[in-house]
PDB file of N, CA and C in Angstrom:
ATOM      1  N   MET A   1      54.863 138.694 128.338  1.00  0.00           N
ATOM      2  CA  MET A   1      55.393 139.991 127.942  1.00  0.00           C
ATOM      3  C   MET A   1      55.026 141.008 129.034  1.00  0.00           C
ATOM      4  N   MET A   2      55.948 141.896 129.310  1.00  0.00           N
ATOM      5  CA  MET A   2      55.744 142.900 130.345  1.00  0.00           C
ATOM      6  C   MET A   2      54.932 144.070 129.792  1.00  0.00           C
ATOM      7  N   THR A   3      53.839 144.399 130.462  1.00  0.00           N
ATOM      8  CA  THR A   3      53.011 145.517 130.010  1.00  0.00           C
ATOM      9  C   THR A   3      53.003 146.665 131.008  1.00  0.00           C
ATOM     10  N   GLU A   4      53.297 146.366 132.261  1.00  0.00           N
ATOM     11  CA  GLU A   4      53.310 147.394 133.301  1.00  0.00           C
ATOM     12  C   GLU A   4      54.723 147.954 133.445  1.00  0.00           C
ATOM     13  N   LEU A   5      54.810 149.251 133.546  1.00  0.00           N
ATOM     14  CA  LEU A   5      56.098 149.914 133.727  1.00  0.00           C
ATOM     15  C   LEU A   5      56.563 149.707 135.167  1.00  0.00           C
ATOM     16  N   PRO A   6      57.794 149.248 135.375  1.00  0.00           N
ATOM     17  CA  PRO A   6      58.286 149.084 136.744  1.00  0.00           C
ATOM     18  C   PRO A   6      58.211 150.416 137.504  1.00  0.00           C
ATOM     19  N   ALA A   7      57.868 150.345 138.767  1.00  0.00           N
ATOM     20  CA  ALA A   7      57.628 151.535 139.590  1.00  0.00           C
ATOM     21  C   ALA A   7      58.737 152.594 139.528  1.00  0.00           C
ATOM     22  N   PRO A   8      60.024 152.226 139.552  1.00  0.00           N
ATOM     23  CA  PRO A   8      61.051 153.269 139.526  1.00  0.00           C
ATOM     24  C   PRO A   8      61.039 154.137 138.268  1.00  0.00           C
ATOM     25  N   PHE A   9      60.339 153.686 137.237  1.00  0.00           N
ATOM     26  CA  PHE A   9      60.336 154.409 135.973  1.00  0.00           C
ATOM     27  C   PHE A   9      58.970 154.991 135.637  1.00  0.00           C
ATOM     28  N   ALA A  10      58.139 155.179 136.649  1.00  0.00           N
ATOM     29  CA  ALA A  10      56.775 155.665 136.439  1.00  0.00           C
ATOM     30  C   ALA A  10      56.723 156.992 135.687  1.00  0.00           C
ATOM     31  N   ASN A  11      57.760 157.820 135.828  1.00  0.00           N
ATOM     32  CA  ASN A  11      57.757 159.114 135.127  1.00  0.00           C
ATOM     33  C   ASN A  11      57.908 158.964 133.611  1.00  0.00           C
ATOM     34  N   LEU A  12      58.110 157.750 133.122  1.00  0.00           N
ATOM     35  CA  LEU A  12      58.185 157.503 131.686  1.00  0.00           C
ATOM     36  C   LEU A  12      56.862 156.976 131.126  1.00  0.00           C
ATOM     37  N   ALA A  13      55.845 156.884 131.968  1.00  0.00           N
ATOM     38  CA  ALA A  13      54.566 156.293 131.564  1.00  0.00           C
ATOM     39  C   ALA A  13      53.951 156.989 130.360  1.00  0.00           C
ATOM     40  N   HIS A  14      54.204 158.277 130.199  1.00  0.00           N
ATOM     41  CA  HIS A  14      53.624 159.003 129.063  1.00  0.00           C
ATOM     42  C   HIS A  14      54.082 158.425 127.716  1.00  0.00           C
ATOM     43  N   LEU A  15      55.166 157.650 127.727  1.00  0.00           N
ATOM     44  CA  LEU A  15      55.666 157.060 126.486  1.00  0.00           C
ATOM     45  C   LEU A  15      54.816 155.872 126.013  1.00  0.00           C
ATOM     46  N   SER A  16      53.821 155.486 126.811  1.00  0.00           N
ATOM     47  CA  SER A  16      52.958 154.383 126.397  1.00  0.00           C
ATOM     48  C   SER A  16      51.612 154.888 125.882  1.00  0.00           C
ATOM     49  N   ALA A  17      51.534 156.146 125.539  1.00  0.00           N
ATOM     50  CA  ALA A  17      50.303 156.742 125.019  1.00  0.00           C
ATOM     51  C   ALA A  17      50.027 156.262 123.597  1.00  0.00           C
ATOM     52  N   ASP A  18      49.025 156.860 122.963  1.00  0.00           N
ATOM     53  CA  ASP A  18      48.700 156.504 121.582  1.00  0.00           C
ATOM     54  C   ASP A  18      49.942 156.633 120.704  1.00  0.00           C
ATOM     55  N   PRO A  19      50.138 155.689 119.781  1.00  0.00           N
ATOM     56  CA  PRO A  19      51.342 155.679 118.948  1.00  0.00           C
ATOM     57  C   PRO A  19      51.502 156.942 118.100  1.00  0.00           C
ATOM     58  N   THR A  20      52.684 157.549 118.217  1.00  0.00           N
ATOM     59  CA  THR A  20      53.027 158.704 117.385  1.00  0.00           C
ATOM     60  C   THR A  20      54.488 158.575 116.979  1.00  0.00           C
ATOM     61  N   VAL A  21      54.877 159.338 115.994  1.00  0.00           N
ATOM     62  CA  VAL A  21      56.274 159.358 115.573  1.00  0.00           C
ATOM     63  C   VAL A  21      57.141 159.888 116.710  1.00  0.00           C
ATOM     64  N   GLU A  22      56.659 160.898 117.414  1.00  0.00           N
ATOM     65  CA  GLU A  22      57.414 161.463 118.534  1.00  0.00           C
ATOM     66  C   GLU A  22      57.610 160.422 119.627  1.00  0.00           C
ATOM     67  N   GLN A  23      56.567 159.622 119.850  1.00  0.00           N
ATOM     68  CA  GLN A  23      56.647 158.588 120.878  1.00  0.00           C
ATOM     69  C   GLN A  23      57.703 157.539 120.511  1.00  0.00           C
ATOM     70  N   VAL A  24      57.690 157.077 119.272  1.00  0.00           N
ATOM     71  CA  VAL A  24      58.663 156.063 118.880  1.00  0.00           C
ATOM     72  C   VAL A  24      60.079 156.632 118.934  1.00  0.00           C
ATOM     73  N   ARG A  25      60.245 157.896 118.614  1.00  0.00           N
ATOM     74  CA  ARG A  25      61.565 158.530 118.710  1.00  0.00           C
ATOM     75  C   ARG A  25      62.021 158.605 120.161  1.00  0.00           C
ATOM     76  N   ALA A  26      61.103 159.029 121.051  1.00  0.00           N
ATOM     77  CA  ALA A  26      61.440 159.121 122.477  1.00  0.00           C
ATOM     78  C   ALA A  26      61.790 157.744 123.046  1.00  0.00           C
ATOM     79  N   LEU A  27      61.033 156.728 122.652  1.00  0.00           N
ATOM     80  CA  LEU A  27      61.325 155.364 123.126  1.00  0.00           C
ATOM     81  C   LEU A  27      62.673 154.881 122.603  1.00  0.00           C
ATOM     82  N   THR A  28      62.964 155.176 121.354  1.00  0.00           N
ATOM     83  CA  THR A  28      64.245 154.784 120.769  1.00  0.00           C
ATOM     84  C   THR A  28      65.403 155.458 121.495  1.00  0.00           C
ATOM     85  N   LEU A  29      65.280 156.739 121.737  1.00  0.00           N
ATOM     86  CA  LEU A  29      66.334 157.462 122.459  1.00  0.00           C
ATOM     87  C   LEU A  29      66.493 156.936 123.876  1.00  0.00           C
ATOM     88  N   ALA A  30      65.368 156.636 124.535  1.00  0.00           N
ATOM     89  CA  ALA A  30      65.425 156.102 125.902  1.00  0.00           C
ATOM     90  C   ALA A  30      66.143 154.757 125.919  1.00  0.00           C
ATOM     91  N   LEU A  31      65.818 153.887 124.981  1.00  0.00           N
ATOM     92  CA  LEU A  31      66.474 152.586 124.922  1.00  0.00           C
ATOM     93  C   LEU A  31      67.963 152.710 124.653  1.00  0.00           C
ATOM     94  N   LYS A  32      68.334 153.597 123.761  1.00  0.00           N
ATOM     95  CA  LYS A  32      69.756 153.786 123.459  1.00  0.00           C
ATOM     96  C   LYS A  32      70.519 154.352 124.658  1.00  0.00           C
ATOM     97  N   ALA A  33      69.819 155.048 125.526  1.00  0.00           N
ATOM     98  CA  ALA A  33      70.465 155.672 126.682  1.00  0.00           C
ATOM     99  C   ALA A  33      70.533 154.749 127.897  1.00  0.00           C
ATOM    100  N   VAL A  34      69.984 153.549 127.806  1.00  0.00           N
ATOM    101  CA  VAL A  34      69.976 152.637 128.955  1.00  0.00           C
ATOM    102  C   VAL A  34      71.386 152.386 129.500  1.00  0.00           C
ATOM    103  N   PRO A  35      72.402 152.129 128.669  1.00  0.00           N
ATOM    104  CA  PRO A  35      73.739 151.936 129.238  1.00  0.00           C
ATOM    105  C   PRO A  35      74.234 153.149 130.042  1.00  0.00           C
ATOM    106  N   ASP A  36      73.934 154.348 129.566  1.00  0.00           N
ATOM    107  CA  ASP A  36      74.322 155.548 130.314  1.00  0.00           C
ATOM    108  C   ASP A  36      73.560 155.636 131.626  1.00  0.00           C
ATOM    109  N   LEU A  37      72.282 155.268 131.592  1.00  0.00           N
ATOM    110  CA  LEU A  37      71.479 155.264 132.817  1.00  0.00           C
ATOM    111  C   LEU A  37      72.041 154.258 133.814  1.00  0.00           C
ATOM    112  N   GLN A  38      72.391 153.073 133.339  1.00  0.00           N
ATOM    113  CA  GLN A  38      72.958 152.060 134.220  1.00  0.00           C
ATOM    114  C   GLN A  38      74.269 152.537 134.842  1.00  0.00           C
ATOM    115  N   LYS A  39      75.098 153.168 134.045  1.00  0.00           N
ATOM    116  CA  LYS A  39      76.372 153.689 134.557  1.00  0.00           C
ATOM    117  C   LYS A  39      76.123 154.727 135.644  1.00  0.00           C
ATOM    118  N   TRP A  40      75.177 155.639 135.398  1.00  0.00           N
ATOM    119  CA  TRP A  40      74.853 156.673 136.378  1.00  0.00           C
ATOM    120  C   TRP A  40      74.291 156.050 137.658  1.00  0.00           C
ATOM    121  N   LEU A  41      73.374 155.082 137.499  1.00  0.00           N
ATOM    122  CA  LEU A  41      72.786 154.424 138.667  1.00  0.00           C
ATOM    123  C   LEU A  41      73.838 153.688 139.484  1.00  0.00           C
ATOM    124  N   ARG A  42      74.758 152.977 138.796  1.00  0.00           N
ATOM    125  CA  ARG A  42      75.830 152.286 139.522  1.00  0.00           C
ATOM    126  C   ARG A  42      76.678 153.272 140.309  1.00  0.00           C
ATOM    127  N   HIS A  43      77.021 154.404 139.678  1.00  0.00           N
ATOM    128  CA  HIS A  43      77.842 155.404 140.359  1.00  0.00           C
ATOM    129  C   HIS A  43      77.102 155.981 141.570  1.00  0.00           C
ATOM    130  N   GLN A  44      75.828 156.284 141.398  1.00  0.00           N
ATOM    131  CA  GLN A  44      75.047 156.833 142.515  1.00  0.00           C
ATOM    132  C   GLN A  44      74.930 155.821 143.651  1.00  0.00           C
ATOM    133  N   ARG A  45      74.746 154.544 143.295  1.00  0.00           N
ATOM    134  CA  ARG A  45      74.669 153.508 144.331  1.00  0.00           C
ATOM    135  C   ARG A  45      76.009 153.386 145.044  1.00  0.00           C
ATOM    136  N   GLU A  46      77.101 153.484 144.296  1.00  0.00           N
ATOM    137  CA  GLU A  46      78.437 153.408 144.899  1.00  0.00           C
ATOM    138  C   GLU A  46      78.645 154.523 145.918  1.00  0.00           C
ATOM    139  N   ILE A  47      78.384 155.769 145.522  1.00  0.00           N
ATOM    140  CA  ILE A  47      78.657 156.878 146.446  1.00  0.00           C
ATOM    141  C   ILE A  47      77.667 156.895 147.611  1.00  0.00           C
ATOM    142  N   THR A  48      76.445 156.446 147.379  1.00  0.00           N
ATOM    143  CA  THR A  48      75.471 156.375 148.474  1.00  0.00           C
ATOM    144  C   THR A  48      75.873 155.294 149.465  1.00  0.00           C
ATOM    145  N   THR A  49      76.286 154.137 148.954  1.00  0.00           N
ATOM    146  CA  THR A  49      76.721 153.044 149.826  1.00  0.00           C
ATOM    147  C   THR A  49      77.947 153.458 150.620  1.00  0.00           C
ATOM    148  N   ARG A  50      78.905 154.091 149.944  1.00  0.00           N
ATOM    149  CA  ARG A  50      80.107 154.558 150.630  1.00  0.00           C
ATOM    150  C   ARG A  50      79.744 155.552 151.736  1.00  0.00           C
ATOM    151  N   GLY A  51      78.837 156.473 151.434  1.00  0.00           N
ATOM    152  CA  GLY A  51      78.409 157.459 152.426  1.00  0.00           C
ATOM    153  C   GLY A  51      77.731 156.820 153.622  1.00  0.00           C
ATOM    154  N   LEU A  52      76.910 155.827 153.373  1.00  0.00           N
ATOM    155  CA  LEU A  52      76.233 155.136 154.480  1.00  0.00           C
ATOM    156  C   LEU A  52      77.231 154.378 155.342  1.00  0.00           C
ATOM    157  N   LEU A  53      78.194 153.697 154.699  1.00  0.00           N
ATOM    158  CA  LEU A  53      79.216 152.996 155.473  1.00  0.00           C
ATOM    159  C   LEU A  53      80.075 153.971 156.265  1.00  0.00           C
ATOM    160  N   ASP A  54      80.459 155.070 155.634  1.00  0.00           N
ATOM    161  CA  ASP A  54      81.249 156.090 156.330  1.00  0.00           C
ATOM    162  C   ASP A  54      80.452 156.739 157.455  1.00  0.00           C
ATOM    163  N   GLY A  55      79.145 156.771 157.312  1.00  0.00           N
ATOM    164  CA  GLY A  55      78.268 157.390 158.311  1.00  0.00           C
ATOM    165  C   GLY A  55      77.884 156.476 159.458  1.00  0.00           C
ATOM    166  N   GLY A  56      78.389 155.249 159.447  1.00  0.00           N
ATOM    167  CA  GLY A  56      78.141 154.378 160.585  1.00  0.00           C
ATOM    168  C   GLY A  56      77.275 153.156 160.310  1.00  0.00           C
ATOM    169  N   LYS A  57      76.669 153.075 159.154  1.00  0.00           N
ATOM    170  CA  LYS A  57      75.907 151.867 158.826  1.00  0.00           C
ATOM    171  C   LYS A  57      76.882 150.727 158.590  1.00  0.00           C
ATOM    172  N   THR A  58      76.433 149.514 158.810  1.00  0.00           N
ATOM    173  CA  THR A  58      77.295 148.356 158.589  1.00  0.00           C
ATOM    174  C   THR A  58      76.868 147.620 157.328  1.00  0.00           C
ATOM    175  N   ALA A  59      77.791 146.837 156.806  1.00  0.00           N
ATOM    176  CA  ALA A  59      77.477 146.018 155.631  1.00  0.00           C
ATOM    177  C   ALA A  59      76.362 145.035 155.965  1.00  0.00           C
ATOM    178  N   ALA A  60      76.343 144.552 157.203  1.00  0.00           N
ATOM    179  CA  ALA A  60      75.288 143.623 157.621  1.00  0.00           C
ATOM    180  C   ALA A  60      73.916 144.298 157.579  1.00  0.00           C
ATOM    181  N   GLU A  61      73.847 145.584 157.876  1.00  0.00           N
ATOM    182  CA  GLU A  61      72.578 146.321 157.804  1.00  0.00           C
ATOM    183  C   GLU A  61      72.167 146.585 156.362  1.00  0.00           C
ATOM    184  N   LEU A  62      73.141 146.908 155.510  1.00  0.00           N
ATOM    185  CA  LEU A  62      72.849 147.291 154.137  1.00  0.00           C
ATOM    186  C   LEU A  62      72.601 146.095 153.214  1.00  0.00           C
ATOM    187  N   ALA A  63      73.243 144.971 153.484  1.00  0.00           N
ATOM    188  CA  ALA A  63      73.154 143.816 152.589  1.00  0.00           C
ATOM    189  C   ALA A  63      71.716 143.385 152.285  1.00  0.00           C
ATOM    190  N   PRO A  64      70.859 143.219 153.270  1.00  0.00           N
ATOM    191  CA  PRO A  64      69.494 142.791 152.931  1.00  0.00           C
ATOM    192  C   PRO A  64      68.709 143.863 152.168  1.00  0.00           C
ATOM    193  N   VAL A  65      68.978 145.106 152.463  1.00  0.00           N
ATOM    194  CA  VAL A  65      68.299 146.207 151.761  1.00  0.00           C
ATOM    195  C   VAL A  65      68.708 146.233 150.296  1.00  0.00           C
ATOM    196  N   MET A  66      69.979 145.957 150.040  1.00  0.00           N
ATOM    197  CA  MET A  66      70.519 145.985 148.684  1.00  0.00           C
ATOM    198  C   MET A  66      70.376 144.642 147.971  1.00  0.00           C
ATOM    199  N   GLU A  67      69.904 143.636 148.711  1.00  0.00           N
ATOM    200  CA  GLU A  67      69.723 142.286 148.168  1.00  0.00           C
ATOM    201  C   GLU A  67      71.027 141.684 147.658  1.00  0.00           C
ATOM    202  N   VAL A  68      72.084 141.891 148.429  1.00  0.00           N
ATOM    203  CA  VAL A  68      73.403 141.332 148.127  1.00  0.00           C
ATOM    204  C   VAL A  68      74.021 140.838 149.426  1.00  0.00           C
ATOM    205  N   GLY A  69      75.166 140.167 149.307  1.00  0.00           N
ATOM    206  CA  GLY A  69      75.897 139.743 150.490  1.00  0.00           C
ATOM    207  C   GLY A  69      76.729 140.887 151.061  1.00  0.00           C
ATOM    208  N   LYS A  70      77.223 140.685 152.278  1.00  0.00           N
ATOM    209  CA  LYS A  70      78.008 141.732 152.942  1.00  0.00           C
ATOM    210  C   LYS A  70      79.251 142.118 152.140  1.00  0.00           C
ATOM    211  N   GLN A  71      79.970 141.124 151.596  1.00  0.00           N
ATOM    212  CA  GLN A  71      81.174 141.436 150.828  1.00  0.00           C
ATOM    213  C   GLN A  71      80.835 142.279 149.610  1.00  0.00           C
ATOM    214  N   ARG A  72      79.690 141.990 148.974  1.00  0.00           N
ATOM    215  CA  ARG A  72      79.287 142.760 147.787  1.00  0.00           C
ATOM    216  C   ARG A  72      79.004 144.211 148.159  1.00  0.00           C
ATOM    217  N   VAL A  73      78.499 144.454 149.361  1.00  0.00           N
ATOM    218  CA  VAL A  73      78.281 145.832 149.827  1.00  0.00           C
ATOM    219  C   VAL A  73      79.606 146.582 149.803  1.00  0.00           C
ATOM    220  N   TYR A  74      80.648 145.952 150.342  1.00  0.00           N
ATOM    221  CA  TYR A  74      81.964 146.588 150.330  1.00  0.00           C
ATOM    222  C   TYR A  74      82.487 146.767 148.905  1.00  0.00           C
ATOM    223  N   ASP A  75      82.255 145.763 148.066  1.00  0.00           N
ATOM    224  CA  ASP A  75      82.686 145.861 146.668  1.00  0.00           C
ATOM    225  C   ASP A  75      82.010 147.034 145.967  1.00  0.00           C
ATOM    226  N   ILE A  76      80.707 147.174 146.171  1.00  0.00           N
ATOM    227  CA  ILE A  76      79.953 148.272 145.549  1.00  0.00           C
ATOM    228  C   ILE A  76      80.478 149.610 146.043  1.00  0.00           C
ATOM    229  N   ALA A  77      80.694 149.710 147.345  1.00  0.00           N
ATOM    230  CA  ALA A  77      81.170 150.969 147.937  1.00  0.00           C
ATOM    231  C   ALA A  77      82.546 151.360 147.425  1.00  0.00           C
ATOM    232  N   SER A  78      83.349 150.374 147.043  1.00  0.00           N
ATOM    233  CA  SER A  78      84.700 150.684 146.566  1.00  0.00           C
ATOM    234  C   SER A  78      84.778 150.757 145.043  1.00  0.00           C
ATOM    235  N   GLY A  79      83.637 150.550 144.369  1.00  0.00           N
ATOM    236  CA  GLY A  79      83.626 150.670 142.919  1.00  0.00           C
ATOM    237  C   GLY A  79      83.988 149.415 142.164  1.00  0.00           C
ATOM    238  N   HIS A  80      84.170 148.302 142.870  1.00  0.00           N
ATOM    239  CA  HIS A  80      84.476 147.046 142.198  1.00  0.00           C
ATOM    240  C   HIS A  80      83.232 146.522 141.500  1.00  0.00           C
ATOM    241  N   VAL A  81      83.432 145.903 140.355  1.00  0.00           N
ATOM    242  CA  VAL A  81      82.316 145.306 139.629  1.00  0.00           C
ATOM    243  C   VAL A  81      82.459 143.792 139.636  1.00  0.00           C
ATOM    244  N   ASN A  82      81.339 143.096 139.520  1.00  0.00           N
ATOM    245  CA  ASN A  82      81.390 141.638 139.523  1.00  0.00           C
ATOM    246  C   ASN A  82      81.667 141.106 138.125  1.00  0.00           C
ATOM    247  N   SER A  83      81.902 139.818 138.032  1.00  0.00           N
ATOM    248  CA  SER A  83      82.278 139.220 136.750  1.00  0.00           C
ATOM    249  C   SER A  83      81.158 139.316 135.718  1.00  0.00           C
ATOM    250  N   ALA A  84      79.892 139.270 136.154  1.00  0.00           N
ATOM    251  CA  ALA A  84      78.780 139.394 135.206  1.00  0.00           C
ATOM    252  C   ALA A  84      78.790 140.780 134.566  1.00  0.00           C
ATOM    253  N   THR A  85      79.078 141.803 135.348  1.00  0.00           N
ATOM    254  CA  THR A  85      79.145 143.162 134.812  1.00  0.00           C
ATOM    255  C   THR A  85      80.304 143.283 133.833  1.00  0.00           C
ATOM    256  N   LEU A  86      81.444 142.710 134.192  1.00  0.00           N
ATOM    257  CA  LEU A  86      82.594 142.748 133.286  1.00  0.00           C
ATOM    258  C   LEU A  86      82.281 142.041 131.977  1.00  0.00           C
ATOM    259  N   ALA A  87      81.581 140.917 132.051  1.00  0.00           N
ATOM    260  CA  ALA A  87      81.218 140.179 130.837  1.00  0.00           C
ATOM    261  C   ALA A  87      80.260 140.995 129.974  1.00  0.00           C
ATOM    262  N   ARG A  88      79.267 141.650 130.596  1.00  0.00           N
ATOM    263  CA  ARG A  88      78.328 142.489 129.843  1.00  0.00           C
ATOM    264  C   ARG A  88      79.053 143.643 129.178  1.00  0.00           C
ATOM    265  N   ARG A  89      79.983 144.253 129.889  1.00  0.00           N
ATOM    266  CA  ARG A  89      80.742 145.373 129.310  1.00  0.00           C
ATOM    267  C   ARG A  89      81.573 144.916 128.116  1.00  0.00           C
ATOM    268  N   ALA A  90      82.214 143.769 128.245  1.00  0.00           N
ATOM    269  CA  ALA A  90      83.034 143.248 127.150  1.00  0.00           C
ATOM    270  C   ALA A  90      82.168 142.931 125.936  1.00  0.00           C
ATOM    271  N   LYS A  91      81.002 142.344 126.169  1.00  0.00           N
ATOM    272  CA  LYS A  91      80.094 142.018 125.074  1.00  0.00           C
ATOM    273  C   LYS A  91      79.601 143.286 124.389  1.00  0.00           C
ATOM    274  N   ALA A  92      79.212 144.278 125.186  1.00  0.00           N
ATOM    275  CA  ALA A  92      78.717 145.539 124.621  1.00  0.00           C
ATOM    276  C   ALA A  92      79.809 146.227 123.812  1.00  0.00           C
ATOM    277  N   LYS A  93      81.028 146.195 124.305  1.00  0.00           N
ATOM    278  CA  LYS A  93      82.142 146.814 123.587  1.00  0.00           C
ATOM    279  C   LYS A  93      82.381 146.098 122.263  1.00  0.00           C
ATOM    280  N   ALA A  94      82.358 144.772 122.287  1.00  0.00           N
ATOM    281  CA  ALA A  94      82.566 144.005 121.062  1.00  0.00           C
ATOM    282  C   ALA A  94      81.458 144.278 120.050  1.00  0.00           C
ATOM    283  N   GLU A  95      80.213 144.359 120.528  1.00  0.00           N
ATOM    284  CA  GLU A  95      79.091 144.646 119.633  1.00  0.00           C
ATOM    285  C   GLU A  95      79.217 146.043 119.031  1.00  0.00           C
ATOM    286  N   ALA A  96      79.609 147.011 119.843  1.00  0.00           N
ATOM    287  CA  ALA A  96      79.767 148.382 119.351  1.00  0.00           C
ATOM    288  C   ALA A  96      80.876 148.453 118.304  1.00  0.00           C
ATOM    289  N   GLU A  97      81.964 147.758 118.565  1.00  0.00           N
ATOM    290  CA  GLU A  97      83.066 147.737 117.604  1.00  0.00           C
ATOM    291  C   GLU A  97      82.649 147.069 116.298  1.00  0.00           C
ATOM    292  N   ALA A  98      81.870 145.989 116.391  1.00  0.00           N
ATOM    293  CA  ALA A  98      81.387 145.308 115.190  1.00  0.00           C
ATOM    294  C   ALA A  98      80.453 146.192 114.400  1.00  0.00           C
ATOM    295  N   GLU A  99      79.567 146.925 115.083  1.00  0.00           N
ATOM    296  CA  GLU A  99      78.671 147.852 114.412  1.00  0.00           C
ATOM    297  C   GLU A  99      79.452 148.973 113.723  1.00  0.00           C
ATOM    298  N   ALA A 100      80.456 149.496 114.405  1.00  0.00           N
ATOM    299  CA  ALA A 100      81.275 150.566 113.828  1.00  0.00           C
ATOM    300  C   ALA A 100      82.015 150.069 112.595  1.00  0.00           C
ATOM    301  N   GLU A 101      82.542 148.858 112.682  1.00  0.00           N
ATOM    302  CA  GLU A 101      83.260 148.288 111.541  1.00  0.00           C
ATOM    303  C   GLU A 101      82.318 148.040 110.378  1.00  0.00           C
ATOM    304  N   ALA A 102      81.122 147.553 110.666  1.00  0.00           N
ATOM    305  CA  ALA A 102      80.130 147.311 109.612  1.00  0.00           C
ATOM    306  C   ALA A 102      79.713 148.634 108.956  1.00  0.00           C
ATOM    307  N   GLY A 103      79.612 149.683 109.758  1.00  0.00           N
ATOM    308  CA  GLY A 103      79.267 151.002 109.223  1.00  0.00           C
ATOM    309  C   GLY A 103      80.343 151.568 108.327  1.00  0.00           C
ATOM    310  N   GLU A 104      81.586 151.303 108.663  1.00  0.00           N
ATOM    311  CA  GLU A 104      82.705 151.799 107.850  1.00  0.00           C
ATOM    312  C   GLU A 104      82.776 151.074 106.510  1.00  0.00           C
ATOM    313  N   GLN A 105      82.337 149.813 106.483  1.00  0.00           N
ATOM    314  CA  GLN A 105      82.391 149.029 105.253  1.00  0.00           C
ATOM    315  C   GLN A 105      81.239 149.352 104.319  1.00  0.00           C
ATOM    316  N   SER A 106      80.206 150.006 104.845  1.00  0.00           N
ATOM    317  CA  SER A 106      79.037 150.334 104.005  1.00  0.00           C
ATOM    318  C   SER A 106      79.310 151.472 103.069  1.00  0.00           C
TER     319      SER A 106
END
């Protein structure tokens, strides 16, 4: 089980303090917002990658930094998503629709 907060999220460390109702609410809201965070991060990575390519960096330079292949660098810069992302989106949409339908039947 993971107990250490990954470095990019260190500013959320206060959420691991002594258990409180406020803490559980903040954690719940943070978890529910993860898809929005992922969408924002993908968009920021896209525009940053595009800017670097437009500014003279090459896909060969960026690929190892981004831990992807050269073609994926171009895909990211142009906003294309891979099949795993498409599958996750489809699953999330289906789950949301099922939850909404279950809520309407209650």
